[in-house]
Amino acid sequence: MVKLRLKRCGRKQRAVYRIVAIDVRSRREGKDLRKVGFYDPIKNQTYLNVPAILYFLEKGAQPTGTVQDILKKAEVFKELRPNQS
């Protein structure tokens, strides 16, 4: 099973995160399937590759709680629903 998860990058006390599609059995810093976004909580910046995220969600990927909040804020789920109807 695939999850959309945050992967920590950056320096000490200055964390930034990549949003990645990764196998559930992999650890946080493990090999990812694909990088689908970027999140900087300090500057509150987000970059999302929406077509890649929609592809993984349609294939059954489950976002973690934090990633789900980021996707809701960016209104990615609104783009997903019309395609499924």
PDB file of N, CA and C in Angstrom:
ATOM      1  N   MET A   1       0.841  -1.185   0.000  1.00  0.00           N
ATOM      2  CA  MET A   1       0.000   0.000   0.000  1.00  0.00           C
ATOM      3  C   MET A   1       0.885   1.248   0.000  1.00  0.00           C
ATOM      4  N   VAL A   2       0.425   2.259  -0.686  1.00  0.00           N
ATOM      5  CA  VAL A   2       1.188   3.507  -0.823  1.00  0.00           C
ATOM      6  C   VAL A   2       0.552   4.585   0.050  1.00  0.00           C
ATOM      7  N   LYS A   3       1.391   5.399   0.657  1.00  0.00           N
ATOM      8  CA  LYS A   3       0.927   6.541   1.451  1.00  0.00           C
ATOM      9  C   LYS A   3       1.569   7.811   0.937  1.00  0.00           C
ATOM     10  N   LEU A   4       0.866   8.912   1.095  1.00  0.00           N
ATOM     11  CA  LEU A   4       1.440  10.233   0.874  1.00  0.00           C
ATOM     12  C   LEU A   4       1.883  10.720   2.243  1.00  0.00           C
ATOM     13  N   ARG A   5       3.174  10.968   2.396  1.00  0.00           N
ATOM     14  CA  ARG A   5       3.774  11.183   3.705  1.00  0.00           C
ATOM     15  C   ARG A   5       4.782  12.316   3.627  1.00  0.00           C
ATOM     16  N   LEU A   6       5.085  12.932   4.774  1.00  0.00           N
ATOM     17  CA  LEU A   6       6.119  13.960   4.839  1.00  0.00           C
ATOM     18  C   LEU A   6       7.477  13.309   5.065  1.00  0.00           C
ATOM     19  N   LYS A   7       8.482  13.824   4.368  1.00  0.00           N
ATOM     20  CA  LYS A   7       9.860  13.354   4.522  1.00  0.00           C
ATOM     21  C   LYS A   7      10.692  14.557   4.946  1.00  0.00           C
ATOM     22  N   ARG A   8      11.378  14.449   6.095  1.00  0.00           N
ATOM     23  CA  ARG A   8      12.084  15.589   6.678  1.00  0.00           C
ATOM     24  C   ARG A   8      13.382  15.874   5.944  1.00  0.00           C
ATOM     25  N   CYS A   9      13.630  17.160   5.682  1.00  0.00           N
ATOM     26  CA  CYS A   9      14.869  17.635   5.071  1.00  0.00           C
ATOM     27  C   CYS A   9      15.282  18.901   5.821  1.00  0.00           C
ATOM     28  N   GLY A  10      16.412  19.455   5.467  1.00  0.00           N
ATOM     29  CA  GLY A  10      16.831  20.717   6.060  1.00  0.00           C
ATOM     30  C   GLY A  10      17.798  20.541   7.212  1.00  0.00           C
ATOM     31  N   ARG A  11      18.071  21.649   7.897  1.00  0.00           N
ATOM     32  CA  ARG A  11      19.036  21.657   8.997  1.00  0.00           C
ATOM     33  C   ARG A  11      18.340  21.434  10.338  1.00  0.00           C
ATOM     34  N   LYS A  12      19.155  21.397  11.381  1.00  0.00           N
ATOM     35  CA  LYS A  12      18.604  21.352  12.735  1.00  0.00           C
ATOM     36  C   LYS A  12      17.836  22.642  13.005  1.00  0.00           C
ATOM     37  N   GLN A  13      16.723  22.517  13.667  1.00  0.00           N
ATOM     38  CA  GLN A  13      15.877  23.647  14.029  1.00  0.00           C
ATOM     39  C   GLN A  13      15.331  24.396  12.808  1.00  0.00           C
ATOM     40  N   ARG A  14      15.506  23.874  11.632  1.00  0.00           N
ATOM     41  CA  ARG A  14      15.084  24.550  10.395  1.00  0.00           C
ATOM     42  C   ARG A  14      14.539  23.504   9.413  1.00  0.00           C
ATOM     43  N   ALA A  15      13.594  22.731   9.886  1.00  0.00           N
ATOM     44  CA  ALA A  15      13.089  21.616   9.090  1.00  0.00           C
ATOM     45  C   ALA A  15      12.212  22.093   7.937  1.00  0.00           C
ATOM     46  N   VAL A  16      12.376  21.458   6.798  1.00  0.00           N
ATOM     47  CA  VAL A  16      11.450  21.569   5.675  1.00  0.00           C
ATOM     48  C   VAL A  16      11.088  20.139   5.297  1.00  0.00           C
ATOM     49  N   TYR A  17       9.983  19.983   4.641  1.00  0.00           N
ATOM     50  CA  TYR A  17       9.490  18.645   4.354  1.00  0.00           C
ATOM     51  C   TYR A  17       9.175  18.495   2.876  1.00  0.00           C
ATOM     52  N   ARG A  18       9.460  17.311   2.358  1.00  0.00           N
ATOM     53  CA  ARG A  18       9.002  16.921   1.027  1.00  0.00           C
ATOM     54  C   ARG A  18       7.773  16.060   1.215  1.00  0.00           C
ATOM     55  N   ILE A  19       6.805  16.246   0.370  1.00  0.00           N
ATOM     56  CA  ILE A  19       5.641  15.365   0.365  1.00  0.00           C
ATOM     57  C   ILE A  19       5.935  14.295  -0.673  1.00  0.00           C
ATOM     58  N   VAL A  20       5.968  13.039  -0.234  1.00  0.00           N
ATOM     59  CA  VAL A  20       6.381  11.951  -1.106  1.00  0.00           C
ATOM     60  C   VAL A  20       5.327  10.839  -1.095  1.00  0.00           C
ATOM     61  N   ALA A  21       5.273  10.101  -2.192  1.00  0.00           N
ATOM     62  CA  ALA A  21       4.522   8.855  -2.247  1.00  0.00           C
ATOM     63  C   ALA A  21       5.515   7.753  -1.891  1.00  0.00           C
ATOM     64  N   ILE A  22       5.193   6.977  -0.865  1.00  0.00           N
ATOM     65  CA  ILE A  22       6.137   6.011  -0.326  1.00  0.00           C
ATOM     66  C   ILE A  22       5.380   4.762   0.117  1.00  0.00           C
ATOM     67  N   ASP A  23       6.057   3.616   0.061  1.00  0.00           N
ATOM     68  CA  ASP A  23       5.467   2.370   0.517  1.00  0.00           C
ATOM     69  C   ASP A  23       5.273   2.422   2.031  1.00  0.00           C
ATOM     70  N   VAL A  24       4.199   1.857   2.530  1.00  0.00           N
ATOM     71  CA  VAL A  24       3.867   1.913   3.955  1.00  0.00           C
ATOM     72  C   VAL A  24       4.962   1.296   4.807  1.00  0.00           C
ATOM     73  N   ARG A  25       5.608   0.255   4.297  1.00  0.00           N
ATOM     74  CA  ARG A  25       6.597  -0.464   5.109  1.00  0.00           C
ATOM     75  C   ARG A  25       7.927   0.260   5.208  1.00  0.00           C
ATOM     76  N   SER A  26       8.128   1.315   4.417  1.00  0.00           N
ATOM     77  CA  SER A  26       9.380   2.069   4.458  1.00  0.00           C
ATOM     78  C   SER A  26       9.384   3.022   5.645  1.00  0.00           C
ATOM     79  N   ARG A  27      10.576   3.298   6.163  1.00  0.00           N
ATOM     80  CA  ARG A  27      10.678   4.271   7.241  1.00  0.00           C
ATOM     81  C   ARG A  27      10.590   5.689   6.681  1.00  0.00           C
ATOM     82  N   ARG A  28      10.597   6.681   7.554  1.00  0.00           N
ATOM     83  CA  ARG A  28      10.364   8.073   7.133  1.00  0.00           C
ATOM     84  C   ARG A  28      11.385   8.546   6.113  1.00  0.00           C
ATOM     85  N   GLU A  29      12.647   8.197   6.291  1.00  0.00           N
ATOM     86  CA  GLU A  29      13.699   8.648   5.384  1.00  0.00           C
ATOM     87  C   GLU A  29      14.012   7.615   4.297  1.00  0.00           C
ATOM     88  N   GLY A  30      13.144   6.640   4.114  1.00  0.00           N
ATOM     89  CA  GLY A  30      13.385   5.577   3.150  1.00  0.00           C
ATOM     90  C   GLY A  30      13.224   6.034   1.711  1.00  0.00           C
ATOM     91  N   LYS A  31      13.413   5.085   0.804  1.00  0.00           N
ATOM     92  CA  LYS A  31      13.319   5.359  -0.635  1.00  0.00           C
ATOM     93  C   LYS A  31      11.869   5.653  -1.003  1.00  0.00           C
ATOM     94  N   ASP A  32      11.646   6.797  -1.631  1.00  0.00           N
ATOM     95  CA  ASP A  32      10.288   7.155  -2.025  1.00  0.00           C
ATOM     96  C   ASP A  32      10.022   6.751  -3.461  1.00  0.00           C
ATOM     97  N   LEU A  33       8.746   6.585  -3.794  1.00  0.00           N
ATOM     98  CA  LEU A  33       8.351   6.266  -5.161  1.00  0.00           C
ATOM     99  C   LEU A  33       8.424   7.509  -6.045  1.00  0.00           C
ATOM    100  N   ARG A  34       7.959   8.643  -5.487  1.00  0.00           N
ATOM    101  CA  ARG A  34       7.969   9.887  -6.241  1.00  0.00           C
ATOM    102  C   ARG A  34       7.781  11.067  -5.303  1.00  0.00           C
ATOM    103  N   LYS A  35       8.471  12.151  -5.575  1.00  0.00           N
ATOM    104  CA  LYS A  35       8.284  13.385  -4.825  1.00  0.00           C
ATOM    105  C   LYS A  35       7.107  14.130  -5.450  1.00  0.00           C
ATOM    106  N   VAL A  36       6.121  14.473  -4.642  1.00  0.00           N
ATOM    107  CA  VAL A  36       4.929  15.116  -5.193  1.00  0.00           C
ATOM    108  C   VAL A  36       4.678  16.504  -4.613  1.00  0.00           C
ATOM    109  N   GLY A  37       5.557  16.980  -3.732  1.00  0.00           N
ATOM    110  CA  GLY A  37       5.341  18.309  -3.185  1.00  0.00           C
ATOM    111  C   GLY A  37       6.401  18.699  -2.186  1.00  0.00           C
ATOM    112  N   PHE A  38       6.222  19.900  -1.631  1.00  0.00           N
ATOM    113  CA  PHE A  38       7.185  20.500  -0.725  1.00  0.00           C
ATOM    114  C   PHE A  38       6.410  21.332   0.284  1.00  0.00           C
ATOM    115  N   TYR A  39       6.842  21.319   1.552  1.00  0.00           N
ATOM    116  CA  TYR A  39       6.165  22.087   2.597  1.00  0.00           C
ATOM    117  C   TYR A  39       7.195  22.677   3.541  1.00  0.00           C
ATOM    118  N   ASP A  40       7.129  23.993   3.731  1.00  0.00           N
ATOM    119  CA  ASP A  40       8.010  24.698   4.658  1.00  0.00           C
ATOM    120  C   ASP A  40       7.129  25.304   5.750  1.00  0.00           C
ATOM    121  N   PRO A  41       7.105  24.684   6.946  1.00  0.00           N
ATOM    122  CA  PRO A  41       6.221  25.195   7.997  1.00  0.00           C
ATOM    123  C   PRO A  41       6.660  26.537   8.574  1.00  0.00           C
ATOM    124  N   ILE A  42       7.938  26.887   8.454  1.00  0.00           N
ATOM    125  CA  ILE A  42       8.420  28.144   9.018  1.00  0.00           C
ATOM    126  C   ILE A  42       7.960  29.327   8.164  1.00  0.00           C
ATOM    127  N   LYS A  43       8.143  29.222   6.853  1.00  0.00           N
ATOM    128  CA  LYS A  43       7.695  30.276   5.941  1.00  0.00           C
ATOM    129  C   LYS A  43       6.243  30.079   5.500  1.00  0.00           C
ATOM    130  N   ASN A  44       5.672  28.948   5.878  1.00  0.00           N
ATOM    131  CA  ASN A  44       4.303  28.588   5.512  1.00  0.00           C
ATOM    132  C   ASN A  44       4.137  28.567   3.990  1.00  0.00           C
ATOM    133  N   GLN A  45       5.091  27.958   3.298  1.00  0.00           N
ATOM    134  CA  GLN A  45       5.043  27.813   1.844  1.00  0.00           C
ATOM    135  C   GLN A  45       4.737  26.368   1.489  1.00  0.00           C
ATOM    136  N   THR A  46       3.979  26.204   0.423  1.00  0.00           N
ATOM    137  CA  THR A  46       3.640  24.868  -0.048  1.00  0.00           C
ATOM    138  C   THR A  46       3.736  24.848  -1.565  1.00  0.00           C
ATOM    139  N   TYR A  47       4.354  23.794  -2.097  1.00  0.00           N
ATOM    140  CA  TYR A  47       4.339  23.540  -3.534  1.00  0.00           C
ATOM    141  C   TYR A  47       3.789  22.136  -3.716  1.00  0.00           C
ATOM    142  N   LEU A  48       2.780  21.995  -4.560  1.00  0.00           N
ATOM    143  CA  LEU A  48       2.173  20.692  -4.792  1.00  0.00           C
ATOM    144  C   LEU A  48       2.143  20.399  -6.287  1.00  0.00           C
ATOM    145  N   ASN A  49       2.549  19.188  -6.640  1.00  0.00           N
ATOM    146  CA  ASN A  49       2.412  18.699  -8.003  1.00  0.00           C
ATOM    147  C   ASN A  49       1.045  18.013  -8.068  1.00  0.00           C
ATOM    148  N   VAL A  50       0.017  18.793  -8.343  1.00  0.00           N
ATOM    149  CA  VAL A  50      -1.366  18.328  -8.226  1.00  0.00           C
ATOM    150  C   VAL A  50      -1.669  17.137  -9.140  1.00  0.00           C
ATOM    151  N   PRO A  51      -1.239  17.130 -10.410  1.00  0.00           N
ATOM    152  CA  PRO A  51      -1.532  15.943 -11.223  1.00  0.00           C
ATOM    153  C   PRO A  51      -0.934  14.653 -10.654  1.00  0.00           C
ATOM    154  N   ALA A  52       0.264  14.722 -10.109  1.00  0.00           N
ATOM    155  CA  ALA A  52       0.881  13.530  -9.516  1.00  0.00           C
ATOM    156  C   ALA A  52       0.132  13.102  -8.256  1.00  0.00           C
ATOM    157  N   ILE A  53      -0.290  14.071  -7.441  1.00  0.00           N
ATOM    158  CA  ILE A  53      -1.033  13.748  -6.226  1.00  0.00           C
ATOM    159  C   ILE A  53      -2.369  13.102  -6.577  1.00  0.00           C
ATOM    160  N   LEU A  54      -3.075  13.667  -7.554  1.00  0.00           N
ATOM    161  CA  LEU A  54      -4.359  13.093  -7.974  1.00  0.00           C
ATOM    162  C   LEU A  54      -4.175  11.684  -8.529  1.00  0.00           C
ATOM    163  N   TYR A  55      -3.088  11.450  -9.252  1.00  0.00           N
ATOM    164  CA  TYR A  55      -2.803  10.121  -9.789  1.00  0.00           C
ATOM    165  C   TYR A  55      -2.684   9.107  -8.654  1.00  0.00           C
ATOM    166  N   PHE A  56      -1.895   9.426  -7.629  1.00  0.00           N
ATOM    167  CA  PHE A  56      -1.706   8.491  -6.525  1.00  0.00           C
ATOM    168  C   PHE A  56      -2.983   8.314  -5.702  1.00  0.00           C
ATOM    169  N   LEU A  57      -3.758   9.389  -5.521  1.00  0.00           N
ATOM    170  CA  LEU A  57      -5.013   9.266  -4.782  1.00  0.00           C
ATOM    171  C   LEU A  57      -6.007   8.392  -5.529  1.00  0.00           C
ATOM    172  N   GLU A  58      -6.059   8.517  -6.851  1.00  0.00           N
ATOM    173  CA  GLU A  58      -6.961   7.683  -7.652  1.00  0.00           C
ATOM    174  C   GLU A  58      -6.547   6.215  -7.620  1.00  0.00           C
ATOM    175  N   LYS A  59      -5.259   5.959  -7.456  1.00  0.00           N
ATOM    176  CA  LYS A  59      -4.760   4.583  -7.381  1.00  0.00           C
ATOM    177  C   LYS A  59      -4.907   3.989  -5.978  1.00  0.00           C
ATOM    178  N   GLY A  60      -5.396   4.778  -5.013  1.00  0.00           N
ATOM    179  CA  GLY A  60      -5.674   4.251  -3.688  1.00  0.00           C
ATOM    180  C   GLY A  60      -4.686   4.639  -2.615  1.00  0.00           C
ATOM    181  N   ALA A  61      -3.807   5.594  -2.885  1.00  0.00           N
ATOM    182  CA  ALA A  61      -2.856   6.046  -1.867  1.00  0.00           C
ATOM    183  C   ALA A  61      -3.594   6.760  -0.741  1.00  0.00           C
ATOM    184  N   GLN A  62      -3.142   6.548   0.489  1.00  0.00           N
ATOM    185  CA  GLN A  62      -3.751   7.170   1.656  1.00  0.00           C
ATOM    186  C   GLN A  62      -2.836   8.266   2.189  1.00  0.00           C
ATOM    187  N   PRO A  63      -3.304   9.508   2.297  1.00  0.00           N
ATOM    188  CA  PRO A  63      -2.473  10.558   2.885  1.00  0.00           C
ATOM    189  C   PRO A  63      -2.455  10.441   4.411  1.00  0.00           C
ATOM    190  N   THR A  64      -1.331  10.800   5.022  1.00  0.00           N
ATOM    191  CA  THR A  64      -1.274  10.859   6.479  1.00  0.00           C
ATOM    192  C   THR A  64      -2.090  12.062   6.939  1.00  0.00           C
ATOM    193  N   GLY A  65      -2.285  12.205   8.243  1.00  0.00           N
ATOM    194  CA  GLY A  65      -3.116  13.281   8.772  1.00  0.00           C
ATOM    195  C   GLY A  65      -2.619  14.656   8.396  1.00  0.00           C
ATOM    196  N   THR A  66      -1.321  14.887   8.549  1.00  0.00           N
ATOM    197  CA  THR A  66      -0.759  16.204   8.243  1.00  0.00           C
ATOM    198  C   THR A  66      -0.834  16.501   6.749  1.00  0.00           C
ATOM    199  N   VAL A  67      -0.520  15.516   5.926  1.00  0.00           N
ATOM    200  CA  VAL A  67      -0.590  15.706   4.474  1.00  0.00           C
ATOM    201  C   VAL A  67      -2.035  15.943   4.056  1.00  0.00           C
ATOM    202  N   GLN A  68      -2.964  15.258   4.679  1.00  0.00           N
ATOM    203  CA  GLN A  68      -4.373  15.459   4.355  1.00  0.00           C
ATOM    204  C   GLN A  68      -4.801  16.895   4.676  1.00  0.00           C
ATOM    205  N   ASP A  69      -4.328  17.441   5.797  1.00  0.00           N
ATOM    206  CA  ASP A  69      -4.639  18.834   6.140  1.00  0.00           C
ATOM    207  C   ASP A  69      -4.063  19.798   5.106  1.00  0.00           C
ATOM    208  N   ILE A  70      -2.829  19.535   4.646  1.00  0.00           N
ATOM    209  CA  ILE A  70      -2.200  20.386   3.623  1.00  0.00           C
ATOM    210  C   ILE A  70      -2.994  20.319   2.327  1.00  0.00           C
ATOM    211  N   LEU A  71      -3.430  19.123   1.939  1.00  0.00           N
ATOM    212  CA  LEU A  71      -4.187  18.958   0.694  1.00  0.00           C
ATOM    213  C   LEU A  71      -5.567  19.608   0.797  1.00  0.00           C
ATOM    214  N   LYS A  72      -6.195  19.534   1.966  1.00  0.00           N
ATOM    215  CA  LYS A  72      -7.495  20.196   2.150  1.00  0.00           C
ATOM    216  C   LYS A  72      -7.343  21.701   2.028  1.00  0.00           C
ATOM    217  N   LYS A  73      -6.285  22.239   2.632  1.00  0.00           N
ATOM    218  CA  LYS A  73      -6.047  23.681   2.573  1.00  0.00           C
ATOM    219  C   LYS A  73      -5.828  24.144   1.132  1.00  0.00           C
ATOM    220  N   ALA A  74      -5.188  23.304   0.322  1.00  0.00           N
ATOM    221  CA  ALA A  74      -4.943  23.630  -1.083  1.00  0.00           C
ATOM    222  C   ALA A  74      -6.118  23.233  -1.982  1.00  0.00           C
ATOM    223  N   GLU A  75      -7.173  22.663  -1.396  1.00  0.00           N
ATOM    224  CA  GLU A  75      -8.389  22.267  -2.118  1.00  0.00           C
ATOM    225  C   GLU A  75      -8.116  21.249  -3.227  1.00  0.00           C
ATOM    226  N   VAL A  76      -7.228  20.307  -2.954  1.00  0.00           N
ATOM    227  CA  VAL A  76      -6.913  19.262  -3.929  1.00  0.00           C
ATOM    228  C   VAL A  76      -8.059  18.258  -4.028  1.00  0.00           C
ATOM    229  N   PHE A  77      -8.743  18.004  -2.922  1.00  0.00           N
ATOM    230  CA  PHE A  77      -9.816  17.007  -2.930  1.00  0.00           C
ATOM    231  C   PHE A  77     -11.011  17.460  -3.762  1.00  0.00           C
ATOM    232  N   LYS A  78     -11.190  18.765  -3.915  1.00  0.00           N
ATOM    233  CA  LYS A  78     -12.277  19.253  -4.763  1.00  0.00           C
ATOM    234  C   LYS A  78     -12.036  18.905  -6.229  1.00  0.00           C
ATOM    235  N   GLU A  79     -10.762  18.827  -6.617  1.00  0.00           N
ATOM    236  CA  GLU A  79     -10.442  18.449  -7.996  1.00  0.00           C
ATOM    237  C   GLU A  79     -10.594  16.950  -8.201  1.00  0.00           C
ATOM    238  N   LEU A  80     -10.469  16.173  -7.130  1.00  0.00           N
ATOM    239  CA  LEU A  80     -10.555  14.723  -7.224  1.00  0.00           C
ATOM    240  C   LEU A  80     -11.994  14.254  -7.385  1.00  0.00           C
ATOM    241  N   ARG A  81     -12.930  14.866  -6.693  1.00  0.00           N
ATOM    242  CA  ARG A  81     -14.304  14.371  -6.643  1.00  0.00           C
ATOM    243  C   ARG A  81     -15.026  14.392  -7.998  1.00  0.00           C
ATOM    244  N   PRO A  82     -14.953  15.459  -8.802  1.00  0.00           N
ATOM    245  CA  PRO A  82     -15.682  15.433 -10.076  1.00  0.00           C
ATOM    246  C   PRO A  82     -15.217  14.332 -11.003  1.00  0.00           C
ATOM    247  N   ASN A  83     -13.945  13.955 -10.918  1.00  0.00           N
ATOM    248  CA  ASN A  83     -13.425  12.902 -11.793  1.00  0.00           C
ATOM    249  C   ASN A  83     -13.987  11.542 -11.415  1.00  0.00           C
ATOM    250  N   GLN A  84     -14.337  11.338 -10.135  1.00  0.00           N
ATOM    251  CA  GLN A  84     -14.844  10.049  -9.707  1.00  0.00           C
ATOM    252  C   GLN A  84     -16.334   9.880  -9.971  1.00  0.00           C
ATOM    253  N   SER A  85     -17.079  10.953 -10.136  1.00  0.00           N
ATOM    254  CA  SER A  85     -18.531  10.867 -10.329  1.00  0.00           C
ATOM    255  C   SER A  85     -18.880  10.327 -11.685  1.00  0.00           C
TER     256      SER A  85
END
